[in-house]
Amino acid sequence: MLSAKPWRTEFVTLFCAVQLFCFCLGAVIIGLLQQAGFAAFKSPDGFGAVLLGTLSFQGVTWVLIYFFLRLHQVHWRDAFGLRESRWPRALRLALLTVMVLFPATQLLQQVSAFAMEKIGWRPEAETAVAILAGAHSWWTHVYIGIFAATIAPVAEEFLFRGVLYAFVKQLGFPRCAWVGVNLLFALIHMDAAAFVPLFLLALALTWLYERTDNLLAPVTAHSLFNIAGLIVFYSVK
C-alpha cells in the first residue's frame, strides 16, 4: 500500500511547469541549430539533437528531483526507498515482473502494428528506436544505452509514479491516477504501435510502486525493460 507523500501543490505545479518549459526550449534550440546548419543537428538522429533532446526532458528532471526533494525536506534515499530493509524483495519483484511483462508487451506490439497496417496506417517507430536505427556513430549508441538504462528510468519513474501518480491519488482521484497518469506515460513516447504495450508497462510499474511503497522497484523494472528492448533490437538488427 502506497504511503502518503508530503508533496505540496505549488511545488508539484512548479516542477511540471519548469519541466515543460525546458522541454519546449530544447525543441526550439534544436530547430534553430538545425536551420543554422550545425552538423550534429542536421538530422533527428544527429548526436547533438539526441543529446539536447534527452537532456531537455529527462536530464532536466534529474536536476528538478534534487530541488523538489529539498523543498519538501525529503532525502533522496527515502524518496527512492533505499533506506528500507525490504529493497532486496523489491528488486526480486521487479525482475519477476519484467520476465513476465516483456514477452507480453513484445507480442502486443507486433499485434498492434499488424492491425494498424491492415487498416492502412503504417505506424512510425518510437523516436529512440528510429534514432538507433539511423545512428552511424558509436557514441550515439553508447549514449542511448546509458540513457535507456539509467537516465530515463530514474527521471520518468520519479515524475510519473513518484510525483504525478502519488499526487493525483492523494487529491482523491485514484482512478484518474491509475488511468490518466499511465495514459500520459504511454502518449509521451509517441509510438502508436507501442501505445497499448507501454500503457500495460505503466500499469505494471504503478502496481510495483503500490506493492513495494518505494520507487526502487519500478525504476529497476523500467531499466531492465529498456535493456531487454535494446538486446532485442541489436540481436535482430
Protein backbone atom coordinates (compact mmCIF):
# COMPACT_ATOMS: atom_id res chain seq x y z
CA MET A 1 0.00 0.00 0.00
CA LEU A 2 1.37 3.37 -1.01
CA SER A 3 2.09 5.66 1.93
CA ALA A 4 1.13 9.35 1.94
CA LYS A 5 3.64 11.65 0.28
CA PRO A 6 4.33 15.20 1.51
CA TRP A 7 4.07 16.73 -1.97
CA ARG A 8 2.68 20.28 -1.94
CA THR A 9 0.51 21.52 -4.78
CA GLU A 10 2.59 24.60 -5.53
CA PHE A 11 5.82 22.59 -5.78
CA VAL A 12 4.26 19.90 -7.97
CA THR A 13 2.90 22.61 -10.27
CA LEU A 14 6.28 24.35 -10.38
CA PHE A 15 8.06 21.05 -11.06
CA CYS A 16 5.84 20.27 -14.06
CA ALA A 17 5.87 23.85 -15.39
CA VAL A 18 9.66 24.12 -15.34
CA GLN A 19 10.00 20.71 -16.95
CA LEU A 20 7.56 21.61 -19.74
CA PHE A 21 9.33 24.93 -20.32
CA CYS A 22 12.74 23.25 -20.59
CA PHE A 23 11.39 20.60 -22.96
CA CYS A 24 9.89 23.24 -25.26
CA LEU A 25 13.02 25.38 -25.05
CA GLY A 26 15.14 22.39 -26.01
CA ALA A 27 12.94 21.70 -29.03
CA VAL A 28 13.21 25.33 -30.15
CA ILE A 29 17.02 25.37 -29.77
CA ILE A 30 17.33 22.10 -31.72
CA GLY A 31 15.22 23.60 -34.52
CA LEU A 32 17.33 26.76 -34.64
CA LEU A 33 20.59 24.81 -34.70
CA GLN A 34 19.23 22.60 -37.49
CA GLN A 35 18.37 25.68 -39.54
CA ALA A 36 21.82 27.12 -38.83
CA GLY A 37 23.36 24.02 -40.41
CA PHE A 38 25.30 22.58 -37.47
CA ALA A 39 26.40 19.06 -38.43
CA ALA A 40 25.39 17.45 -35.14
CA PHE A 41 21.86 18.81 -35.52
CA LYS A 42 21.23 18.30 -39.25
CA SER A 43 19.09 15.19 -38.69
CA PRO A 44 16.92 13.99 -35.78
CA ASP A 45 19.42 11.17 -35.14
CA GLY A 46 22.40 13.54 -35.01
CA PHE A 47 24.29 13.26 -31.74
CA GLY A 48 23.71 16.90 -30.83
CA ALA A 49 19.96 16.63 -31.39
CA VAL A 50 19.80 13.38 -29.42
CA LEU A 51 21.82 14.78 -26.53
CA LEU A 52 19.95 18.08 -26.25
CA GLY A 53 16.57 16.45 -26.80
CA THR A 54 17.03 13.92 -24.00
CA LEU A 55 18.71 16.29 -21.57
CA SER A 56 16.00 18.93 -22.02
CA PHE A 57 13.44 16.46 -20.64
CA GLN A 58 14.89 13.54 -18.68
CA GLY A 59 18.15 15.32 -17.90
CA VAL A 60 16.36 18.37 -16.55
CA THR A 61 14.20 16.06 -14.45
CA TRP A 62 17.28 14.82 -12.59
CA VAL A 63 18.08 18.41 -11.62
CA LEU A 64 14.46 19.11 -10.67
CA ILE A 65 14.37 15.99 -8.48
CA TYR A 66 17.11 17.48 -6.31
CA PHE A 67 15.28 20.76 -5.79
CA PHE A 68 11.87 19.10 -5.44
CA LEU A 69 13.07 16.82 -2.65
CA ARG A 70 14.98 19.64 -0.99
CA LEU A 71 11.87 21.86 -0.93
CA HIS A 72 9.98 19.04 0.78
CA GLN A 73 12.92 18.22 3.07
CA VAL A 74 12.95 14.62 1.88
CA HIS A 75 16.23 12.75 1.44
CA TRP A 76 16.70 11.02 -1.91
CA ARG A 77 17.32 7.70 -0.16
CA ASP A 78 13.91 7.94 1.46
CA ALA A 79 12.26 9.01 -1.81
CA PHE A 80 13.69 6.01 -3.69
CA GLY A 81 13.30 3.51 -0.85
CA LEU A 82 17.00 2.85 -0.32
CA ARG A 83 16.84 3.13 3.46
CA GLU A 84 14.34 0.30 3.79
CA SER A 85 15.38 -3.26 4.60
CA ARG A 86 12.85 -4.56 2.06
CA TRP A 87 14.77 -3.38 -1.00
CA PRO A 88 16.05 -6.89 -1.93
CA ARG A 89 12.42 -8.05 -2.16
CA ALA A 90 11.61 -5.01 -4.31
CA LEU A 91 14.42 -5.93 -6.72
CA ARG A 92 13.26 -9.55 -6.96
CA LEU A 93 9.69 -8.45 -7.62
CA ALA A 94 10.90 -6.04 -10.31
CA LEU A 95 12.86 -8.82 -12.04
CA LEU A 96 9.92 -11.23 -11.97
CA THR A 97 7.59 -8.55 -13.32
CA VAL A 98 9.87 -7.84 -16.30
CA MET A 99 10.30 -11.56 -17.03
CA VAL A 100 6.53 -11.88 -17.41
CA LEU A 101 5.79 -8.46 -18.88
CA PHE A 102 8.46 -8.09 -21.56
CA PRO A 103 7.37 -11.04 -23.75
CA ALA A 104 3.73 -9.98 -23.40
CA THR A 105 4.43 -6.40 -24.49
CA GLN A 106 6.55 -7.57 -27.43
CA LEU A 107 3.67 -9.72 -28.63
CA LEU A 108 1.17 -6.90 -28.10
CA GLN A 109 3.32 -4.50 -30.09
CA GLN A 110 3.52 -6.92 -33.02
CA VAL A 111 -0.26 -7.42 -32.94
CA SER A 112 -0.84 -3.65 -32.76
CA ALA A 113 1.49 -2.95 -35.68
CA PHE A 114 -0.14 -5.71 -37.75
CA ALA A 115 -3.64 -4.39 -37.03
CA MET A 116 -2.65 -0.83 -37.94
CA GLU A 117 -1.11 -1.92 -41.22
CA LYS A 118 -4.29 -3.84 -42.06
CA ILE A 119 -6.33 -0.65 -41.81
CA GLY A 120 -3.82 1.27 -43.91
CA TRP A 121 -1.98 3.05 -41.11
CA ARG A 122 1.73 2.33 -41.08
CA PRO A 123 2.90 3.46 -37.63
CA GLU A 124 6.26 5.15 -37.24
CA ALA A 125 8.81 3.71 -34.86
CA GLU A 126 9.36 5.30 -31.46
CA THR A 127 11.83 8.19 -31.62
CA ALA A 128 14.52 6.34 -29.64
CA VAL A 129 14.24 3.28 -31.90
CA ALA A 130 14.38 5.44 -35.03
CA ILE A 131 17.48 7.19 -33.71
CA LEU A 132 19.21 3.87 -33.00
CA ALA A 133 18.30 2.55 -36.43
CA GLY A 134 19.71 5.62 -38.16
CA ALA A 135 22.70 6.27 -35.91
CA HIS A 136 26.11 5.85 -37.51
CA SER A 137 28.36 6.98 -34.67
CA TRP A 138 29.30 4.56 -31.91
CA TRP A 139 28.96 7.25 -29.22
CA THR A 140 25.30 7.72 -30.13
CA HIS A 141 24.70 4.02 -29.48
CA VAL A 142 26.65 4.19 -26.20
CA TYR A 143 24.76 7.26 -25.03
CA ILE A 144 21.36 5.80 -25.91
CA GLY A 145 22.29 2.65 -23.98
CA ILE A 146 23.26 4.65 -20.87
CA PHE A 147 20.21 6.85 -21.26
CA ALA A 148 17.82 3.89 -21.56
CA ALA A 149 19.34 2.00 -18.63
CA THR A 150 19.78 4.82 -16.12
CA ILE A 151 18.78 8.38 -17.03
CA ALA A 152 15.29 7.70 -18.42
CA PRO A 153 14.08 5.15 -15.81
CA VAL A 154 15.00 7.35 -12.85
CA ALA A 155 13.59 10.54 -14.37
CA GLU A 156 10.37 9.04 -15.74
CA GLU A 157 9.57 6.93 -12.68
CA PHE A 158 10.08 9.84 -10.33
CA LEU A 159 7.87 12.05 -12.48
CA PHE A 160 5.05 9.63 -13.34
CA ARG A 161 4.97 7.31 -10.36
CA GLY A 162 6.71 9.27 -7.60
CA VAL A 163 5.10 12.67 -8.22
CA LEU A 164 2.09 12.65 -10.55
CA TYR A 165 0.56 9.30 -9.60
CA ALA A 166 1.02 9.81 -5.86
CA PHE A 167 -0.17 13.43 -6.02
CA VAL A 168 -3.31 12.78 -8.09
CA LYS A 169 -4.23 9.79 -5.94
CA GLN A 170 -3.86 11.81 -2.74
CA LEU A 171 -6.10 14.51 -4.19
CA GLY A 172 -8.87 11.90 -4.03
CA PHE A 173 -8.80 10.66 -7.64
CA PRO A 174 -7.29 7.15 -7.53
CA ARG A 175 -8.90 6.02 -10.79
CA CYS A 176 -7.69 9.12 -12.59
CA ALA A 177 -4.22 8.47 -11.19
CA TRP A 178 -4.23 4.87 -12.44
CA VAL A 179 -5.68 5.62 -15.88
CA GLY A 180 -4.78 9.24 -16.64
CA VAL A 181 -1.14 9.28 -15.49
CA ASN A 182 -0.38 5.95 -17.15
CA LEU A 183 -2.03 7.06 -20.39
CA LEU A 184 0.14 10.16 -20.33
CA PHE A 185 3.22 7.96 -19.87
CA ALA A 186 2.28 5.93 -22.95
CA LEU A 187 1.47 9.04 -25.01
CA ILE A 188 4.77 10.87 -24.47
CA HIS A 189 6.67 8.07 -26.20
CA MET A 190 4.86 8.97 -29.44
CA ASP A 191 4.70 5.44 -30.82
CA ALA A 192 1.23 4.36 -31.96
CA ALA A 193 2.10 0.66 -32.28
CA ALA A 194 3.65 0.62 -28.80
CA PHE A 195 0.88 2.63 -27.12
CA VAL A 196 -1.00 -0.36 -25.69
CA PRO A 197 2.19 -2.19 -24.59
CA LEU A 198 3.50 1.00 -22.97
CA PHE A 199 0.22 1.54 -21.16
CA LEU A 200 0.44 -2.04 -19.88
CA LEU A 201 4.03 -1.38 -18.79
CA ALA A 202 2.95 1.78 -16.98
CA LEU A 203 0.20 -0.11 -15.14
CA ALA A 204 2.70 -2.77 -14.07
CA LEU A 205 5.18 -0.14 -12.85
CA THR A 206 2.44 1.59 -10.88
CA TRP A 207 1.43 -1.75 -9.36
CA LEU A 208 5.06 -2.28 -8.31
CA TYR A 209 5.12 1.15 -6.71
CA GLU A 210 1.91 0.42 -4.82
CA ARG A 211 3.08 -3.04 -3.78
CA THR A 212 6.53 -2.02 -2.52
CA ASP A 213 5.88 1.62 -1.49
CA ASN A 214 9.20 2.75 -2.95
CA LEU A 215 10.49 3.83 -6.34
CA LEU A 216 13.36 1.35 -6.45
CA ALA A 217 11.14 -1.44 -7.81
CA PRO A 218 9.60 0.48 -10.74
CA VAL A 219 12.92 2.16 -11.58
CA THR A 220 14.66 -1.22 -11.67
CA ALA A 221 11.86 -2.81 -13.71
CA HIS A 222 11.86 0.12 -16.14
CA SER A 223 15.63 -0.14 -16.56
CA LEU A 224 15.53 -3.91 -17.12
CA PHE A 225 12.69 -3.50 -19.59
CA ASN A 226 14.69 -0.95 -21.61
CA ILE A 227 17.82 -3.10 -21.51
CA ALA A 228 15.84 -6.11 -22.75
CA GLY A 229 14.48 -3.96 -25.57
CA LEU A 230 18.00 -2.90 -26.57
CA ILE A 231 19.16 -6.53 -26.56
CA VAL A 232 16.29 -7.49 -28.85
CA PHE A 233 16.97 -4.52 -31.13
CA TYR A 234 20.66 -5.32 -31.60
CA SER A 235 20.05 -9.07 -31.91
CA VAL A 236 17.71 -8.61 -34.90
CA LYS A 237 19.48 -5.62 -36.46
